[in-house]
Each structure stands twice: as structure tokens, then as C-alpha cells.
Amino acid sequence: MATATVTSKGQITIPATVRIALGVEAGSRIEFVELENGQFIIFPSVSPIQSLKGMLRKPPAPVSIEQMNMAIAAQGAKLR
């Protein structure tokens, strides 16, 4: 099991074995997710933006800026 010590600034150095297993390096982002009872999991946030391609379908017809503005205004009016 790997361990780390928290500094007075709240920082830790992730042990090399953990960094290698996670595939992270200097400048990488890490996400912390709270489970329960004070337990957390960590995982690298290294997905490239290209991985989002295809998540949204294309609209059947192009939408104009005016149509977008009207939709935004209509939704904003509902919130009042």
C-alpha cells in the first residue's frame, strides 16, 4: 500500500507507483469523488476533448442565432 503525507499547505506527493498506475504526470488533473463515510476515490481526468464527439446528435435543420436567442429568452421568461 502506498502512503503520502500532507504538508502544512495541504499538498501531497502522489507516490510514483500510484502515478504510474494512474498514468498521470506533472500537470495532469486528478478528480476526487466522495463515496461515503469519508472515503474518496481518485482518478485521472485525462480524457481528450475528442472523446466527446458524437455525444450530441445534430439538429435536423441548422439553427440561426435569432432562433437561439428566442429560445434562451423563452426559457428565461419561464424562470421568472
Protein backbone atom coordinates (compact mmCIF):
# COMPACT_ATOMS: atom_id res chain seq x y z
CA MET A 1 0.00 0.00 0.00
CA ALA A 2 1.30 3.47 -0.92
CA THR A 3 1.04 6.37 1.53
CA ALA A 4 1.65 10.11 1.40
CA THR A 5 2.00 12.88 3.97
CA VAL A 6 0.01 16.11 3.83
CA THR A 7 2.16 19.26 4.04
CA SER A 8 1.22 22.39 6.00
CA LYS A 9 -0.06 23.81 2.69
CA GLY A 10 -2.43 20.85 2.23
CA GLN A 11 -0.34 19.32 -0.55
CA ILE A 12 0.74 15.72 -1.06
CA THR A 13 3.17 14.00 -3.36
CA ILE A 14 1.48 11.06 -5.05
CA PRO A 15 3.82 8.07 -4.82
CA ALA A 16 5.48 7.07 -8.09
CA THR A 17 3.78 3.66 -8.17
CA VAL A 18 0.36 5.33 -7.96
CA ARG A 19 1.24 7.95 -10.61
CA ILE A 20 2.38 5.20 -12.97
CA ALA A 21 -0.76 3.13 -12.34
CA LEU A 22 -2.98 6.16 -12.98
CA GLY A 23 -0.97 7.28 -15.99
CA VAL A 24 -0.51 10.81 -14.66
CA GLU A 25 2.46 13.12 -14.84
CA ALA A 26 3.31 16.71 -13.92
CA GLY A 27 0.44 18.99 -14.91
CA SER A 28 -2.16 16.21 -15.01
CA ARG A 29 -5.52 16.82 -13.36
CA ILE A 30 -6.86 14.44 -10.71
CA GLU A 31 -10.51 14.14 -9.71
CA PHE A 32 -11.63 13.23 -6.19
CA VAL A 33 -15.04 11.59 -5.74
CA GLU A 34 -16.53 11.17 -2.27
CA LEU A 35 -18.14 7.79 -1.73
CA GLU A 36 -19.38 7.56 1.85
CA ASN A 37 -18.07 7.59 5.39
CA GLY A 38 -15.28 9.98 4.42
CA GLN A 39 -13.86 7.67 1.74
CA PHE A 40 -12.75 9.02 -1.62
CA ILE A 41 -11.63 7.57 -4.91
CA ILE A 42 -9.21 9.37 -7.18
CA PHE A 43 -8.89 9.05 -10.90
CA PRO A 44 -7.10 10.93 -13.63
CA SER A 45 -9.02 13.48 -15.64
CA VAL A 46 -7.14 12.82 -18.85
CA SER A 47 -9.85 12.19 -21.45
CA PRO A 48 -9.16 14.14 -24.64
CA ILE A 49 -11.84 16.51 -25.91
CA GLN A 50 -12.23 14.29 -28.97
CA SER A 51 -13.82 11.65 -26.73
CA LEU A 52 -16.93 13.86 -26.54
CA LYS A 53 -17.51 13.67 -30.30
CA GLY A 54 -20.83 12.12 -31.16
CA MET A 55 -22.44 12.61 -27.74
CA LEU A 56 -24.97 15.08 -29.13
CA ARG A 57 -26.96 14.50 -32.24
CA LYS A 58 -27.04 17.11 -34.96
CA PRO A 59 -30.25 19.14 -35.23
CA PRO A 60 -32.48 18.22 -38.19
CA ALA A 61 -32.04 21.74 -39.58
CA PRO A 62 -29.49 24.47 -38.88
CA VAL A 63 -30.47 26.84 -36.08
CA SER A 64 -29.97 30.58 -36.55
CA ILE A 65 -28.62 32.93 -33.92
CA GLU A 66 -32.04 34.60 -33.78
CA GLN A 67 -33.70 31.25 -33.04
CA MET A 68 -31.16 30.55 -30.31
CA ASN A 69 -31.76 33.98 -28.75
CA MET A 70 -35.54 33.45 -28.85
CA ALA A 71 -35.19 30.03 -27.16
CA ILE A 72 -32.95 31.50 -24.45
CA ALA A 73 -35.36 34.38 -23.84
CA ALA A 74 -38.34 32.00 -23.67
CA GLN A 75 -36.58 29.76 -21.15
CA GLY A 76 -35.51 32.80 -19.11
CA ALA A 77 -39.11 34.05 -19.03
CA LYS A 78 -40.23 30.68 -17.57
CA LEU A 79 -37.82 31.08 -14.66
CA ARG A 80 -39.33 34.38 -13.50
